[in-house]
């Protein structure tokens, strides 16, 4: 049987940390950030993790 291919869109969006958690990006970070208040922009800089219920599916897409 051939190997399963990774979902390239998922590979580009998610990174697996050493402890197995998955880092993700934040929406609304590309442009027109002047409409957002400073607190929102600061919060979007913080690292985010994928919810526990989604980890299994995302790991299957990445590997």
PDB file of N, CA and C in Angstrom:
ATOM      1  N   UNK A   1       0.838  -1.198   0.000  1.00  0.00           N
ATOM      2  CA  UNK A   1       0.000   0.000   0.000  1.00  0.00           C
ATOM      3  C   UNK A   1       0.877   1.254   0.000  1.00  0.00           C
ATOM      4  N   UNK A   2       0.457   2.282  -0.731  1.00  0.00           N
ATOM      5  CA  UNK A   2       1.224   3.534  -0.710  1.00  0.00           C
ATOM      6  C   UNK A   2       1.029   4.272   0.607  1.00  0.00           C
ATOM      7  N   UNK A   3       1.977   5.118   0.879  1.00  0.00           N
ATOM      8  CA  UNK A   3       1.887   5.917   2.098  1.00  0.00           C
ATOM      9  C   UNK A   3       0.780   6.953   1.963  1.00  0.00           C
ATOM     10  N   UNK A   4       0.203   7.346   3.097  1.00  0.00           N
ATOM     11  CA  UNK A   4      -0.810   8.405   3.098  1.00  0.00           C
ATOM     12  C   UNK A   4      -0.097   9.744   2.938  1.00  0.00           C
ATOM     13  N   UNK A   5      -0.651  10.609   2.111  1.00  0.00           N
ATOM     14  CA  UNK A   5      -0.061  11.925   1.920  1.00  0.00           C
ATOM     15  C   UNK A   5      -0.529  12.864   3.019  1.00  0.00           C
ATOM     16  N   UNK A   6       0.319  13.813   3.369  1.00  0.00           N
ATOM     17  CA  UNK A   6      -0.055  14.854   4.313  1.00  0.00           C
ATOM     18  C   UNK A   6      -0.962  15.853   3.613  1.00  0.00           C
ATOM     19  N   UNK A   7      -1.818  16.490   4.397  1.00  0.00           N
ATOM     20  CA  UNK A   7      -2.630  17.585   3.873  1.00  0.00           C
ATOM     21  C   UNK A   7      -1.759  18.829   3.943  1.00  0.00           C
ATOM     22  N   UNK A   8      -1.319  19.318   2.786  1.00  0.00           N
ATOM     23  CA  UNK A   8      -0.317  20.384   2.750  1.00  0.00           C
ATOM     24  C   UNK A   8      -0.818  21.672   3.389  1.00  0.00           C
ATOM     25  N   UNK A   9      -2.109  21.949   3.299  1.00  0.00           N
ATOM     26  CA  UNK A   9      -2.661  23.137   3.945  1.00  0.00           C
ATOM     27  C   UNK A   9      -2.528  23.051   5.456  1.00  0.00           C
ATOM     28  N   UNK A  10      -2.715  21.852   6.012  1.00  0.00           N
ATOM     29  CA  UNK A  10      -2.582  21.663   7.455  1.00  0.00           C
ATOM     30  C   UNK A  10      -1.124  21.745   7.882  1.00  0.00           C
ATOM     31  N   UNK A  11      -0.225  21.216   7.053  1.00  0.00           N
ATOM     32  CA  UNK A  11       1.208  21.254   7.386  1.00  0.00           C
ATOM     33  C   UNK A  11       1.690  22.695   7.497  1.00  0.00           C
ATOM     34  N   UNK A  12       1.163  23.569   6.612  1.00  0.00           N
ATOM     35  CA  UNK A  12       1.576  24.964   6.624  1.00  0.00           C
ATOM     36  C   UNK A  12       0.974  25.742   7.788  1.00  0.00           C
ATOM     37  N   UNK A  13      -0.152  25.294   8.310  1.00  0.00           N
ATOM     38  CA  UNK A  13      -0.862  26.059   9.340  1.00  0.00           C
ATOM     39  C   UNK A  13      -0.529  25.642  10.765  1.00  0.00           C
ATOM     40  N   UNK A  14      -0.095  24.401  10.974  1.00  0.00           N
ATOM     41  CA  UNK A  14       0.083  23.879  12.325  1.00  0.00           C
ATOM     42  C   UNK A  14       1.505  23.392  12.544  1.00  0.00           C
ATOM     43  N   UNK A  15       1.989  23.531  13.793  1.00  0.00           N
ATOM     44  CA  UNK A  15       3.289  23.007  14.195  1.00  0.00           C
ATOM     45  C   UNK A  15       3.093  22.202  15.481  1.00  0.00           C
ATOM     46  N   UNK A  16       3.739  21.031  15.563  1.00  0.00           N
ATOM     47  CA  UNK A  16       3.635  20.189  16.746  1.00  0.00           C
ATOM     48  C   UNK A  16       4.770  20.535  17.696  1.00  0.00           C
ATOM     49  N   UNK A  17       4.417  20.818  18.954  1.00  0.00           N
ATOM     50  CA  UNK A  17       5.426  21.116  19.961  1.00  0.00           C
ATOM     51  C   UNK A  17       6.021  19.810  20.476  1.00  0.00           C
ATOM     52  N   UNK A  18       7.105  19.914  21.245  1.00  0.00           N
ATOM     53  CA  UNK A  18       7.763  18.713  21.768  1.00  0.00           C
ATOM     54  C   UNK A  18       6.861  17.923  22.702  1.00  0.00           C
ATOM     55  N   UNK A  19       5.970  18.609  23.425  1.00  0.00           N
ATOM     56  CA  UNK A  19       5.096  17.901  24.357  1.00  0.00           C
ATOM     57  C   UNK A  19       3.841  17.355  23.676  1.00  0.00           C
ATOM     58  N   UNK A  20       3.734  17.493  22.352  1.00  0.00           N
ATOM     59  CA  UNK A  20       2.621  16.914  21.619  1.00  0.00           C
ATOM     60  C   UNK A  20       1.479  17.875  21.350  1.00  0.00           C
ATOM     61  N   UNK A  21       1.498  19.051  21.984  1.00  0.00           N
ATOM     62  CA  UNK A  21       0.463  20.032  21.715  1.00  0.00           C
ATOM     63  C   UNK A  21       0.687  20.633  20.334  1.00  0.00           C
ATOM     64  N   UNK A  22      -0.356  21.193  19.753  1.00  0.00           N
ATOM     65  CA  UNK A  22      -0.262  21.742  18.405  1.00  0.00           C
ATOM     66  C   UNK A  22      -0.494  23.237  18.455  1.00  0.00           C
ATOM     67  N   UNK A  23       0.472  23.992  17.912  1.00  0.00           N
ATOM     68  CA  UNK A  23       0.345  25.440  17.834  1.00  0.00           C
ATOM     69  C   UNK A  23      -0.431  25.807  16.584  1.00  0.00           C
ATOM     70  N   UNK A  24      -1.167  26.912  16.662  1.00  0.00           N
ATOM     71  CA  UNK A  24      -1.931  27.381  15.515  1.00  0.00           C
ATOM     72  C   UNK A  24      -1.800  28.890  15.418  1.00  0.00           C
ATOM     73  N   UNK A  25      -2.180  29.429  14.285  1.00  0.00           N
ATOM     74  CA  UNK A  25      -2.165  30.862  14.088  1.00  0.00           C
ATOM     75  C   UNK A  25      -3.452  31.502  14.562  1.00  0.00           C
ATOM     76  N   UNK A  26      -3.571  32.803  14.356  1.00  0.00           N
ATOM     77  CA  UNK A  26      -4.754  33.559  14.741  1.00  0.00           C
ATOM     78  C   UNK A  26      -5.334  34.224  13.503  1.00  0.00           C
ATOM     79  N   UNK A  27      -6.645  34.278  13.433  1.00  0.00           N
ATOM     80  CA  UNK A  27      -7.312  34.918  12.308  1.00  0.00           C
ATOM     81  C   UNK A  27      -7.200  36.436  12.415  1.00  0.00           C
ATOM     82  N   UNK A  28      -7.455  37.119  11.317  1.00  0.00           N
ATOM     83  CA  UNK A  28      -7.516  38.590  11.257  1.00  0.00           C
ATOM     84  C   UNK A  28      -6.188  39.247  11.587  1.00  0.00           C
ATOM     85  N   UNK A  29      -5.079  38.680  11.094  1.00  0.00           N
ATOM     86  CA  UNK A  29      -3.756  39.240  11.385  1.00  0.00           C
ATOM     87  C   UNK A  29      -3.049  39.743  10.133  1.00  0.00           C
ATOM     88  N   UNK A  30      -3.707  39.734   8.988  1.00  0.00           N
ATOM     89  CA  UNK A  30      -2.984  39.992   7.749  1.00  0.00           C
ATOM     90  C   UNK A  30      -2.864  41.472   7.420  1.00  0.00           C
ATOM     91  N   UNK A  31      -3.960  42.228   7.486  1.00  0.00           N
ATOM     92  CA  UNK A  31      -3.895  43.641   7.098  1.00  0.00           C
ATOM     93  C   UNK A  31      -5.079  44.387   7.725  1.00  0.00           C
ATOM     94  N   UNK A  32      -5.085  45.691   7.576  1.00  0.00           N
ATOM     95  CA  UNK A  32      -6.085  46.605   8.156  1.00  0.00           C
ATOM     96  C   UNK A  32      -6.188  46.387   9.671  1.00  0.00           C
ATOM     97  N   UNK A  33      -5.040  46.379  10.316  1.00  0.00           N
ATOM     98  CA  UNK A  33      -5.032  46.174  11.762  1.00  0.00           C
ATOM     99  C   UNK A  33      -5.349  47.466  12.515  1.00  0.00           C
ATOM    100  N   UNK A  34      -5.422  48.599  11.817  1.00  0.00           N
ATOM    101  CA  UNK A  34      -5.705  49.862  12.498  1.00  0.00           C
ATOM    102  C   UNK A  34      -7.126  49.909  13.026  1.00  0.00           C
ATOM    103  N   UNK A  35      -8.019  49.095  12.488  1.00  0.00           N
ATOM    104  CA  UNK A  35      -9.396  49.065  12.982  1.00  0.00           C
ATOM    105  C   UNK A  35      -9.516  48.301  14.293  1.00  0.00           C
ATOM    106  N   UNK A  36      -8.543  47.470  14.592  1.00  0.00           N
ATOM    107  CA  UNK A  36      -8.580  46.707  15.834  1.00  0.00           C
ATOM    108  C   UNK A  36      -7.957  47.537  16.954  1.00  0.00           C
ATOM    109  N   UNK A  37      -8.488  47.352  18.166  1.00  0.00           N
ATOM    110  CA  UNK A  37      -7.874  48.073  19.277  1.00  0.00           C
ATOM    111  C   UNK A  37      -6.578  47.377  19.683  1.00  0.00           C
ATOM    112  N   UNK A  38      -5.779  48.086  20.453  1.00  0.00           N
ATOM    113  CA  UNK A  38      -4.432  47.611  20.781  1.00  0.00           C
ATOM    114  C   UNK A  38      -4.467  46.320  21.577  1.00  0.00           C
ATOM    115  N   UNK A  39      -5.444  46.175  22.444  1.00  0.00           N
ATOM    116  CA  UNK A  39      -5.527  44.960  23.263  1.00  0.00           C
ATOM    117  C   UNK A  39      -5.756  43.730  22.375  1.00  0.00           C
ATOM    118  N   UNK A  40      -6.618  43.850  21.385  1.00  0.00           N
ATOM    119  CA  UNK A  40      -6.880  42.732  20.481  1.00  0.00           C
ATOM    120  C   UNK A  40      -5.622  42.358  19.710  1.00  0.00           C
ATOM    121  N   UNK A  41      -4.897  43.362  19.221  1.00  0.00           N
ATOM    122  CA  UNK A  41      -3.669  43.076  18.475  1.00  0.00           C
ATOM    123  C   UNK A  41      -2.627  42.412  19.366  1.00  0.00           C
ATOM    124  N   UNK A  42      -2.533  42.843  20.610  1.00  0.00           N
ATOM    125  CA  UNK A  42      -1.593  42.221  21.545  1.00  0.00           C
ATOM    126  C   UNK A  42      -1.973  40.775  21.805  1.00  0.00           C
ATOM    127  N   UNK A  43      -3.251  40.507  22.019  1.00  0.00           N
ATOM    128  CA  UNK A  43      -3.701  39.144  22.310  1.00  0.00           C
ATOM    129  C   UNK A  43      -3.452  38.213  21.127  1.00  0.00           C
ATOM    130  N   UNK A  44      -3.517  38.746  19.928  1.00  0.00           N
ATOM    131  CA  UNK A  44      -3.291  37.912  18.755  1.00  0.00           C
ATOM    132  C   UNK A  44      -1.826  37.548  18.581  1.00  0.00           C
ATOM    133  N   UNK A  45      -0.915  38.260  19.235  1.00  0.00           N
ATOM    134  CA  UNK A  45       0.502  37.920  19.161  1.00  0.00           C
ATOM    135  C   UNK A  45       0.845  36.716  20.029  1.00  0.00           C
ATOM    136  N   UNK A  46       0.026  36.441  21.037  1.00  0.00           N
ATOM    137  CA  UNK A  46       0.308  35.351  21.962  1.00  0.00           C
ATOM    138  C   UNK A  46       0.135  34.009  21.250  1.00  0.00           C
ATOM    139  N   UNK A  47       0.936  32.995  21.603  1.00  0.00           N
ATOM    140  CA  UNK A  47       0.783  31.684  20.972  1.00  0.00           C
ATOM    141  C   UNK A  47      -0.548  31.050  21.340  1.00  0.00           C
ATOM    142  N   UNK A  48      -1.152  30.383  20.385  1.00  0.00           N
ATOM    143  CA  UNK A  48      -2.433  29.719  20.595  1.00  0.00           C
ATOM    144  C   UNK A  48      -2.253  28.226  20.370  1.00  0.00           C
ATOM    145  N   UNK A  49      -3.070  27.439  21.068  1.00  0.00           N
ATOM    146  CA  UNK A  49      -3.034  25.993  20.925  1.00  0.00           C
ATOM    147  C   UNK A  49      -4.353  25.494  20.357  1.00  0.00           C
ATOM    148  N   UNK A  50      -4.296  24.366  19.678  1.00  0.00           N
ATOM    149  CA  UNK A  50      -5.488  23.749  19.122  1.00  0.00           C
ATOM    150  C   UNK A  50      -6.260  23.082  20.263  1.00  0.00           C
ATOM    151  N   UNK A  51      -7.585  23.083  20.180  1.00  0.00           N
ATOM    152  CA  UNK A  51      -8.422  22.448  21.194  1.00  0.00           C
ATOM    153  C   UNK A  51      -8.152  20.943  21.237  1.00  0.00           C
ATOM    154  N   UNK A  52      -8.345  20.359  22.412  1.00  0.00           N
ATOM    155  CA  UNK A  52      -8.047  18.944  22.602  1.00  0.00           C
ATOM    156  C   UNK A  52      -8.865  18.039  21.684  1.00  0.00           C
ATOM    157  N   UNK A  53     -10.104  18.432  21.390  1.00  0.00           N
ATOM    158  CA  UNK A  53     -10.952  17.576  20.554  1.00  0.00           C
ATOM    159  C   UNK A  53     -10.469  17.527  19.116  1.00  0.00           C
ATOM    160  N   UNK A  54      -9.688  18.521  18.673  1.00  0.00           N
ATOM    161  CA  UNK A  54      -9.222  18.576  17.292  1.00  0.00           C
ATOM    162  C   UNK A  54      -7.827  17.999  17.093  1.00  0.00           C
ATOM    163  N   UNK A  55      -7.113  17.713  18.162  1.00  0.00           N
ATOM    164  CA  UNK A  55      -5.709  17.306  18.061  1.00  0.00           C
ATOM    165  C   UNK A  55      -5.553  16.015  17.256  1.00  0.00           C
ATOM    166  N   UNK A  56      -6.400  15.047  17.501  1.00  0.00           N
ATOM    167  CA  UNK A  56      -6.282  13.749  16.821  1.00  0.00           C
ATOM    168  C   UNK A  56      -6.430  13.913  15.309  1.00  0.00           C
ATOM    169  N   UNK A  57      -7.427  14.688  14.878  1.00  0.00           N
ATOM    170  CA  UNK A  57      -7.655  14.877  13.441  1.00  0.00           C
ATOM    171  C   UNK A  57      -6.513  15.632  12.785  1.00  0.00           C
ATOM    172  N   UNK A  58      -5.989  16.647  13.460  1.00  0.00           N
ATOM    173  CA  UNK A  58      -4.927  17.444  12.875  1.00  0.00           C
ATOM    174  C   UNK A  58      -3.633  16.648  12.781  1.00  0.00           C
ATOM    175  N   UNK A  59      -3.343  15.836  13.791  1.00  0.00           N
ATOM    176  CA  UNK A  59      -2.149  14.999  13.729  1.00  0.00           C
ATOM    177  C   UNK A  59      -2.249  13.996  12.581  1.00  0.00           C
ATOM    178  N   UNK A  60      -3.451  13.500  12.316  1.00  0.00           N
ATOM    179  CA  UNK A  60      -3.632  12.583  11.187  1.00  0.00           C
ATOM    180  C   UNK A  60      -3.401  13.294   9.858  1.00  0.00           C
ATOM    181  N   UNK A  61      -3.800  14.566   9.781  1.00  0.00           N
ATOM    182  CA  UNK A  61      -3.588  15.317   8.546  1.00  0.00           C
ATOM    183  C   UNK A  61      -2.123  15.654   8.347  1.00  0.00           C
ATOM    184  N   UNK A  62      -1.389  15.914   9.446  1.00  0.00           N
ATOM    185  CA  UNK A  62       0.006  16.333   9.348  1.00  0.00           C
ATOM    186  C   UNK A  62       0.910  15.152   9.042  1.00  0.00           C
ATOM    187  N   UNK A  63       0.672  14.015   9.657  1.00  0.00           N
ATOM    188  CA  UNK A  63       1.570  12.865   9.497  1.00  0.00           C
ATOM    189  C   UNK A  63       1.263  12.043   8.291  1.00  0.00           C
TER     190      UNK A  63
END
